[in-house]
Amino acid sequence: MLNMKPDPDYAPGAVEELADLFHLLGDATRLRIVLACLSQPTAVGDIAASLDLSSSLVSHHLRLLRAARIVKAERQGKQVFYAAADAHISSLLANMFEHIAEPANGMDA
């Protein structure tokens, strides 16, 4: 188990940047969009169709996610495909899903 203590030597602004990342992922629509991009690069239209959202709404959220380096874009011809920016994003989400699946035993303190 990872024992992580607050480190006063974090780069200036790192805590705020991490809080912004969690804020972006705290929106259920954006989180669903990121999850739709995890297994393979996916086009905006395919993301929109799979989540029953408009392409313009998905594009808006993808712009925010891209700016935060949560997803990356790759143009192939006339289409742009989106994927998780790196393995850190996939691992973070996998770990959080494992966390919420754990029983809450012993958490009543």
C-alpha atoms as a PDB file:
ATOM      1  CA  MET A   1       0.000   0.000   0.000  1.00  0.00           C
ATOM      2  CA  LEU A   2       1.269   3.464  -0.892  1.00  0.00           C
ATOM      3  CA  ASN A   3       1.841   5.649   2.156  1.00  0.00           C
ATOM      4  CA  MET A   4       1.697   9.182   0.874  1.00  0.00           C
ATOM      5  CA  LYS A   5       2.171  12.076   3.267  1.00  0.00           C
ATOM      6  CA  PRO A   6       1.660  15.701   2.315  1.00  0.00           C
ATOM      7  CA  ASP A   7       4.962  16.966   0.974  1.00  0.00           C
ATOM      8  CA  PRO A   8       5.714  20.633   1.602  1.00  0.00           C
ATOM      9  CA  ASP A   9       8.108  20.503  -1.357  1.00  0.00           C
ATOM     10  CA  TYR A  10       5.402  20.149  -4.026  1.00  0.00           C
ATOM     11  CA  ALA A  11       5.963  22.583  -6.859  1.00  0.00           C
ATOM     12  CA  PRO A  12       4.168  25.897  -6.404  1.00  0.00           C
ATOM     13  CA  GLY A  13       0.655  25.569  -7.756  1.00  0.00           C
ATOM     14  CA  ALA A  14       0.737  21.741  -7.876  1.00  0.00           C
ATOM     15  CA  VAL A  15      -2.038  21.335  -5.303  1.00  0.00           C
ATOM     16  CA  GLU A  16      -4.226  23.820  -7.134  1.00  0.00           C
ATOM     17  CA  GLU A  17      -3.519  22.114 -10.472  1.00  0.00           C
ATOM     18  CA  LEU A  18      -4.468  18.733  -9.012  1.00  0.00           C
ATOM     19  CA  ALA A  19      -7.640  20.214  -7.523  1.00  0.00           C
ATOM     20  CA  ASP A  20      -8.529  21.594 -10.971  1.00  0.00           C
ATOM     21  CA  LEU A  21      -7.992  18.140 -12.499  1.00  0.00           C
ATOM     22  CA  PHE A  22     -10.307  16.546  -9.928  1.00  0.00           C
ATOM     23  CA  HIS A  23     -12.828  19.337 -10.504  1.00  0.00           C
ATOM     24  CA  LEU A  24     -12.868  18.582 -14.239  1.00  0.00           C
ATOM     25  CA  LEU A  25     -13.246  14.852 -13.607  1.00  0.00           C
ATOM     26  CA  GLY A  26     -15.919  15.580 -10.981  1.00  0.00           C
ATOM     27  CA  ASP A  27     -18.384  16.404 -13.749  1.00  0.00           C
ATOM     28  CA  ALA A  28     -20.215  13.169 -14.656  1.00  0.00           C
ATOM     29  CA  THR A  29     -20.475  14.057 -18.355  1.00  0.00           C
ATOM     30  CA  ARG A  30     -16.756  14.769 -18.658  1.00  0.00           C
ATOM     31  CA  LEU A  31     -15.919  11.616 -16.722  1.00  0.00           C
ATOM     32  CA  ARG A  32     -18.104   9.536 -19.050  1.00  0.00           C
ATOM     33  CA  ILE A  33     -16.339  11.130 -22.047  1.00  0.00           C
ATOM     34  CA  VAL A  34     -12.905  10.228 -20.644  1.00  0.00           C
ATOM     35  CA  LEU A  35     -14.066   6.679 -19.919  1.00  0.00           C
ATOM     36  CA  ALA A  36     -15.300   6.400 -23.520  1.00  0.00           C
ATOM     37  CA  CYS A  37     -11.761   7.192 -24.707  1.00  0.00           C
ATOM     38  CA  LEU A  38      -9.848   4.792 -22.453  1.00  0.00           C
ATOM     39  CA  SER A  39      -9.828   1.582 -24.454  1.00  0.00           C
ATOM     40  CA  GLN A  40      -8.986   3.084 -27.842  1.00  0.00           C
ATOM     41  CA  PRO A  41      -8.817   6.436 -29.646  1.00  0.00           C
ATOM     42  CA  THR A  42     -12.392   7.466 -30.394  1.00  0.00           C
ATOM     43  CA  ALA A  43     -13.880  10.087 -32.730  1.00  0.00           C
ATOM     44  CA  VAL A  44     -16.079  12.873 -31.352  1.00  0.00           C
ATOM     45  CA  GLY A  45     -19.127  11.599 -33.248  1.00  0.00           C
ATOM     46  CA  ASP A  46     -18.690   8.094 -31.843  1.00  0.00           C
ATOM     47  CA  ILE A  47     -18.313   9.432 -28.298  1.00  0.00           C
ATOM     48  CA  ALA A  48     -21.419  11.571 -28.746  1.00  0.00           C
ATOM     49  CA  ALA A  49     -23.451   8.664 -30.135  1.00  0.00           C
ATOM     50  CA  SER A  50     -22.383   6.222 -27.431  1.00  0.00           C
ATOM     51  CA  LEU A  51     -23.261   8.690 -24.657  1.00  0.00           C
ATOM     52  CA  ASP A  52     -26.390  10.111 -26.342  1.00  0.00           C
ATOM     53  CA  LEU A  53     -24.937  13.629 -26.354  1.00  0.00           C
ATOM     54  CA  SER A  54     -24.549  16.251 -29.067  1.00  0.00           C
ATOM     55  CA  SER A  55     -21.214  16.430 -30.868  1.00  0.00           C
ATOM     56  CA  SER A  56     -20.911  20.116 -29.978  1.00  0.00           C
ATOM     57  CA  LEU A  57     -21.318  19.372 -26.255  1.00  0.00           C
ATOM     58  CA  VAL A  58     -18.745  16.572 -26.444  1.00  0.00           C
ATOM     59  CA  SER A  59     -16.356  18.856 -28.331  1.00  0.00           C
ATOM     60  CA  HIS A  60     -16.756  21.551 -25.681  1.00  0.00           C
ATOM     61  CA  HIS A  61     -15.903  19.110 -22.888  1.00  0.00           C
ATOM     62  CA  LEU A  62     -13.014  17.627 -24.883  1.00  0.00           C
ATOM     63  CA  ARG A  63     -11.489  21.106 -25.262  1.00  0.00           C
ATOM     64  CA  LEU A  64     -11.458  21.475 -21.473  1.00  0.00           C
ATOM     65  CA  LEU A  65     -10.101  17.958 -20.954  1.00  0.00           C
ATOM     66  CA  ARG A  66      -7.403  18.514 -23.548  1.00  0.00           C
ATOM     67  CA  ALA A  67      -6.329  21.794 -21.984  1.00  0.00           C
ATOM     68  CA  ALA A  68      -5.905  19.949 -18.678  1.00  0.00           C
ATOM     69  CA  ARG A  69      -3.901  17.171 -20.423  1.00  0.00           C
ATOM     70  CA  ILE A  70      -6.464  14.533 -19.475  1.00  0.00           C
ATOM     71  CA  VAL A  71      -7.052  13.530 -23.096  1.00  0.00           C
ATOM     72  CA  LYS A  72      -4.968  13.916 -26.223  1.00  0.00           C
ATOM     73  CA  ALA A  73      -6.103  14.374 -29.798  1.00  0.00           C
ATOM     74  CA  GLU A  74      -4.816  12.860 -33.005  1.00  0.00           C
ATOM     75  CA  ARG A  75      -6.036  13.883 -36.432  1.00  0.00           C
ATOM     76  CA  GLN A  76      -6.567  11.119 -38.973  1.00  0.00           C
ATOM     77  CA  GLY A  77      -7.757  12.595 -42.215  1.00  0.00           C
ATOM     78  CA  LYS A  78     -10.791  14.757 -41.493  1.00  0.00           C
ATOM     79  CA  GLN A  79     -11.523  13.179 -38.122  1.00  0.00           C
ATOM     80  CA  VAL A  80      -9.975  13.823 -34.734  1.00  0.00           C
ATOM     81  CA  PHE A  81      -9.620  10.877 -32.374  1.00  0.00           C
ATOM     82  CA  TYR A  82      -9.330  11.281 -28.621  1.00  0.00           C
ATOM     83  CA  ALA A  83      -7.639   9.008 -26.092  1.00  0.00           C
ATOM     84  CA  ALA A  84      -6.512   9.217 -22.478  1.00  0.00           C
ATOM     85  CA  ALA A  85      -3.435  11.429 -22.380  1.00  0.00           C
ATOM     86  CA  ASP A  86      -1.283   8.772 -20.742  1.00  0.00           C
ATOM     87  CA  ALA A  87      -1.280   5.747 -18.443  1.00  0.00           C
ATOM     88  CA  HIS A  88      -1.565   7.988 -15.373  1.00  0.00           C
ATOM     89  CA  ILE A  89      -5.133   8.899 -16.294  1.00  0.00           C
ATOM     90  CA  SER A  90      -6.125   5.267 -16.864  1.00  0.00           C
ATOM     91  CA  SER A  91      -4.481   4.197 -13.605  1.00  0.00           C
ATOM     92  CA  LEU A  92      -6.068   7.013 -11.621  1.00  0.00           C
ATOM     93  CA  LEU A  93      -9.546   6.080 -12.817  1.00  0.00           C
ATOM     94  CA  ALA A  94      -8.957   2.340 -12.325  1.00  0.00           C
ATOM     95  CA  ASN A  95      -7.748   2.987  -8.777  1.00  0.00           C
ATOM     96  CA  MET A  96     -10.728   5.185  -7.972  1.00  0.00           C
ATOM     97  CA  PHE A  97     -13.170   2.560  -9.275  1.00  0.00           C
ATOM     98  CA  GLU A  98     -11.410  -0.044  -7.109  1.00  0.00           C
ATOM     99  CA  HIS A  99     -11.693   2.325  -4.163  1.00  0.00           C
ATOM    100  CA  ILE A 100     -15.445   2.835  -4.494  1.00  0.00           C
ATOM    101  CA  ALA A 101     -15.966  -0.924  -4.936  1.00  0.00           C
ATOM    102  CA  GLU A 102     -14.338  -1.664  -1.560  1.00  0.00           C
ATOM    103  CA  PRO A 103     -16.634  -2.298   1.378  1.00  0.00           C
ATOM    104  CA  ALA A 104     -16.763   0.558   3.867  1.00  0.00           C
ATOM    105  CA  ASN A 105     -15.857  -1.698   6.840  1.00  0.00           C
ATOM    106  CA  GLY A 106     -14.072   0.071   9.636  1.00  0.00           C
ATOM    107  CA  MET A 107     -14.784   3.539   8.281  1.00  0.00           C
ATOM    108  CA  ASP A 108     -17.170   4.544  11.078  1.00  0.00           C
ATOM    109  CA  ALA A 109     -14.507   6.172  13.247  1.00  0.00           C
END
